[in-house]
Amino acid sequence: MTTAAIRKQLINYIADADDKKIKGMYMLFEDDIHNKDALFELTDEDIKILDKERERHVQGKSKSYTWDAVKKIVRSKKAL
């Protein structure tokens, strides 16, 4: 069964589930629901890479794009 099919079945189940089951499911997932940002953490190695790339940017050694340019490139599927 695909993830999309599972998601659809869960949505349908939750829509009709009794209050006790809904509260139980909420308690099970409460930490994840409230800590979505905490699920993403950079490793020390990730931070080193980002610091190196930032330094290259500051020194003008890497190419940079405005947000509008990035959107245009992505929408046109143009290679960087």
N, C-alpha and C. Protein backbone atom coordinates (compact mmCIF):
# COMPACT_ATOMS: atom_id res chain seq x y z
N MET A 1 0.85 -1.17 0.00
CA MET A 1 0.00 0.00 0.00
C MET A 1 0.89 1.24 0.00
N THR A 2 0.56 2.20 -0.83
CA THR A 2 1.36 3.42 -0.92
C THR A 2 1.11 4.32 0.29
N THR A 3 2.04 5.22 0.51
CA THR A 3 1.88 6.18 1.60
C THR A 3 0.65 7.05 1.38
N ALA A 4 0.39 7.41 0.14
CA ALA A 4 -0.79 8.23 -0.16
C ALA A 4 -2.07 7.49 0.19
N ALA A 5 -2.12 6.20 -0.10
CA ALA A 5 -3.31 5.40 0.22
C ALA A 5 -3.48 5.27 1.73
N ILE A 6 -2.38 5.07 2.43
CA ILE A 6 -2.43 4.98 3.90
C ILE A 6 -2.92 6.29 4.49
N ARG A 7 -2.37 7.39 3.99
CA ARG A 7 -2.76 8.72 4.47
C ARG A 7 -4.26 8.93 4.28
N LYS A 8 -4.76 8.54 3.13
CA LYS A 8 -6.19 8.70 2.83
C LYS A 8 -7.05 7.87 3.78
N GLN A 9 -6.63 6.63 4.04
CA GLN A 9 -7.38 5.77 4.96
C GLN A 9 -7.35 6.34 6.38
N LEU A 10 -6.21 6.86 6.79
CA LEU A 10 -6.11 7.45 8.12
C LEU A 10 -7.01 8.68 8.26
N ILE A 11 -7.02 9.51 7.24
CA ILE A 11 -7.88 10.70 7.26
C ILE A 11 -9.34 10.30 7.39
N ASN A 12 -9.74 9.31 6.62
CA ASN A 12 -11.12 8.83 6.70
C ASN A 12 -11.42 8.23 8.06
N TYR A 13 -10.47 7.48 8.62
CA TYR A 13 -10.66 6.87 9.93
C TYR A 13 -10.81 7.93 11.00
N ILE A 14 -9.92 8.93 10.97
CA ILE A 14 -9.94 9.98 11.98
C ILE A 14 -11.24 10.78 11.91
N ALA A 15 -11.73 11.00 10.71
CA ALA A 15 -12.98 11.76 10.54
C ALA A 15 -14.15 11.11 11.28
N ASP A 16 -14.13 9.78 11.39
CA ASP A 16 -15.25 9.07 12.00
C ASP A 16 -14.94 8.47 13.37
N ALA A 17 -13.73 8.59 13.84
CA ALA A 17 -13.32 7.96 15.11
C ALA A 17 -14.00 8.65 16.30
N ASP A 18 -14.19 7.88 17.38
CA ASP A 18 -14.80 8.48 18.57
C ASP A 18 -13.77 9.35 19.31
N ASP A 19 -14.25 10.20 20.20
CA ASP A 19 -13.41 11.17 20.89
C ASP A 19 -12.25 10.53 21.64
N LYS A 20 -12.50 9.41 22.28
CA LYS A 20 -11.47 8.74 23.07
C LYS A 20 -10.28 8.33 22.18
N LYS A 21 -10.58 7.80 21.02
CA LYS A 21 -9.51 7.40 20.09
C LYS A 21 -8.76 8.61 19.55
N ILE A 22 -9.49 9.67 19.24
CA ILE A 22 -8.85 10.89 18.73
C ILE A 22 -7.90 11.46 19.77
N LYS A 23 -8.34 11.51 21.03
CA LYS A 23 -7.48 12.03 22.10
C LYS A 23 -6.25 11.14 22.29
N GLY A 24 -6.43 9.84 22.18
CA GLY A 24 -5.31 8.92 22.30
C GLY A 24 -4.29 9.11 21.19
N MET A 25 -4.77 9.27 19.95
CA MET A 25 -3.87 9.50 18.83
C MET A 25 -3.14 10.83 19.00
N TYR A 26 -3.87 11.83 19.47
CA TYR A 26 -3.25 13.14 19.67
C TYR A 26 -2.13 13.04 20.71
N MET A 27 -2.38 12.35 21.79
CA MET A 27 -1.36 12.19 22.83
C MET A 27 -0.14 11.46 22.27
N LEU A 28 -0.36 10.51 21.39
CA LEU A 28 0.72 9.75 20.79
C LEU A 28 1.63 10.64 19.93
N PHE A 29 1.02 11.58 19.21
CA PHE A 29 1.76 12.41 18.28
C PHE A 29 1.97 13.85 18.74
N GLU A 30 1.54 14.18 19.95
CA GLU A 30 1.56 15.56 20.42
C GLU A 30 2.94 16.20 20.33
N ASP A 31 3.98 15.52 20.79
CA ASP A 31 5.32 16.09 20.74
C ASP A 31 5.75 16.40 19.31
N ASP A 32 5.47 15.49 18.39
CA ASP A 32 5.83 15.73 16.99
C ASP A 32 5.05 16.91 16.41
N ILE A 33 3.79 17.03 16.77
CA ILE A 33 2.95 18.11 16.25
C ILE A 33 3.49 19.46 16.70
N HIS A 34 3.90 19.57 17.95
CA HIS A 34 4.34 20.85 18.49
C HIS A 34 5.81 21.13 18.25
N ASN A 35 6.59 20.14 17.88
CA ASN A 35 8.03 20.31 17.71
C ASN A 35 8.48 20.02 16.29
N LYS A 36 7.72 20.45 15.30
CA LYS A 36 8.09 20.19 13.91
C LYS A 36 9.47 20.76 13.59
N ASP A 37 9.79 21.94 14.10
CA ASP A 37 11.09 22.55 13.83
C ASP A 37 12.22 21.77 14.47
N ALA A 38 11.95 21.13 15.59
CA ALA A 38 12.99 20.40 16.31
C ALA A 38 13.39 19.11 15.58
N LEU A 39 12.61 18.70 14.60
CA LEU A 39 12.92 17.47 13.87
C LEU A 39 14.09 17.66 12.92
N PHE A 40 14.42 18.90 12.60
CA PHE A 40 15.50 19.19 11.66
C PHE A 40 16.68 19.77 12.44
N GLU A 41 17.78 19.07 12.45
CA GLU A 41 18.97 19.55 13.13
C GLU A 41 20.18 19.38 12.23
N LEU A 42 21.04 20.38 12.24
CA LEU A 42 22.26 20.31 11.47
C LEU A 42 23.35 19.64 12.29
N THR A 43 24.14 18.81 11.63
CA THR A 43 25.29 18.20 12.30
C THR A 43 26.44 19.21 12.28
N ASP A 44 27.48 18.93 13.04
CA ASP A 44 28.66 19.80 13.03
C ASP A 44 29.27 19.87 11.64
N GLU A 45 29.24 18.74 10.94
CA GLU A 45 29.76 18.70 9.56
C GLU A 45 28.92 19.58 8.64
N ASP A 46 27.59 19.53 8.79
CA ASP A 46 26.70 20.39 7.99
C ASP A 46 27.03 21.86 8.22
N ILE A 47 27.24 22.23 9.46
CA ILE A 47 27.54 23.62 9.81
C ILE A 47 28.87 24.05 9.21
N LYS A 48 29.87 23.16 9.23
CA LYS A 48 31.17 23.47 8.62
C LYS A 48 31.02 23.74 7.13
N ILE A 49 30.22 22.90 6.46
CA ILE A 49 30.00 23.07 5.01
C ILE A 49 29.31 24.39 4.74
N LEU A 50 28.27 24.71 5.52
CA LEU A 50 27.56 25.97 5.33
C LEU A 50 28.46 27.17 5.60
N ASP A 51 29.28 27.09 6.63
CA ASP A 51 30.21 28.18 6.93
C ASP A 51 31.20 28.38 5.79
N LYS A 52 31.69 27.28 5.22
CA LYS A 52 32.63 27.35 4.11
C LYS A 52 31.96 27.98 2.88
N GLU A 53 30.74 27.56 2.59
CA GLU A 53 30.01 28.11 1.45
C GLU A 53 29.68 29.58 1.65
N ARG A 54 29.35 29.96 2.88
CA ARG A 54 29.06 31.37 3.18
C ARG A 54 30.31 32.22 2.96
N GLU A 55 31.43 31.73 3.43
CA GLU A 55 32.69 32.45 3.27
C GLU A 55 33.02 32.64 1.78
N ARG A 56 32.80 31.61 0.99
CA ARG A 56 33.01 31.71 -0.46
C ARG A 56 32.09 32.78 -1.06
N HIS A 57 30.86 32.83 -0.57
CA HIS A 57 29.90 33.82 -1.05
C HIS A 57 30.36 35.23 -0.69
N VAL A 58 30.74 35.42 0.57
CA VAL A 58 31.18 36.73 1.06
C VAL A 58 32.40 37.22 0.26
N GLN A 59 33.28 36.30 -0.09
CA GLN A 59 34.49 36.65 -0.83
C GLN A 59 34.23 36.81 -2.33
N GLY A 60 33.00 36.56 -2.75
CA GLY A 60 32.66 36.70 -4.17
C GLY A 60 33.17 35.55 -5.02
N LYS A 61 33.48 34.41 -4.40
CA LYS A 61 34.02 33.26 -5.12
C LYS A 61 32.94 32.29 -5.59
N SER A 62 31.69 32.55 -5.24
CA SER A 62 30.60 31.68 -5.68
C SER A 62 29.50 32.53 -6.30
N LYS A 63 28.77 31.93 -7.18
CA LYS A 63 27.71 32.65 -7.86
C LYS A 63 26.47 32.69 -6.97
N SER A 64 25.80 33.82 -6.95
CA SER A 64 24.60 33.98 -6.13
C SER A 64 23.43 34.40 -7.02
N TYR A 65 22.23 34.11 -6.55
CA TYR A 65 21.02 34.42 -7.28
C TYR A 65 20.03 35.11 -6.37
N THR A 66 19.25 36.01 -6.93
CA THR A 66 18.15 36.61 -6.17
C THR A 66 17.03 35.57 -6.09
N TRP A 67 16.10 35.78 -5.17
CA TRP A 67 14.97 34.87 -5.03
C TRP A 67 14.15 34.83 -6.32
N ASP A 68 13.95 35.98 -6.95
CA ASP A 68 13.19 36.02 -8.20
C ASP A 68 13.91 35.24 -9.30
N ALA A 69 15.23 35.36 -9.36
CA ALA A 69 16.01 34.62 -10.36
C ALA A 69 15.90 33.12 -10.12
N VAL A 70 15.96 32.70 -8.86
CA VAL A 70 15.84 31.27 -8.53
C VAL A 70 14.49 30.75 -8.98
N LYS A 71 13.42 31.47 -8.67
CA LYS A 71 12.07 31.03 -9.08
C LYS A 71 11.98 30.91 -10.59
N LYS A 72 12.56 31.88 -11.28
CA LYS A 72 12.51 31.86 -12.75
C LYS A 72 13.27 30.65 -13.30
N ILE A 73 14.43 30.37 -12.74
CA ILE A 73 15.24 29.23 -13.18
C ILE A 73 14.49 27.93 -12.94
N VAL A 74 13.96 27.78 -11.74
CA VAL A 74 13.26 26.54 -11.39
C VAL A 74 12.03 26.35 -12.27
N ARG A 75 11.28 27.42 -12.46
CA ARG A 75 10.06 27.30 -13.27
C ARG A 75 10.36 27.01 -14.73
N SER A 76 11.50 27.45 -15.21
CA SER A 76 11.86 27.19 -16.60
C SER A 76 12.68 25.91 -16.73
N LYS A 77 12.99 25.29 -15.59
CA LYS A 77 13.80 24.07 -15.54
C LYS A 77 15.15 24.27 -16.21
N LYS A 78 15.66 25.45 -16.05
CA LYS A 78 16.96 25.82 -16.61
C LYS A 78 18.06 25.39 -15.64
N ALA A 79 19.11 24.81 -16.18
CA ALA A 79 20.23 24.37 -15.34
C ALA A 79 20.98 25.57 -14.82
N LEU A 80 21.47 25.44 -13.59
CA LEU A 80 22.27 26.52 -13.02
C LEU A 80 23.63 26.48 -13.65
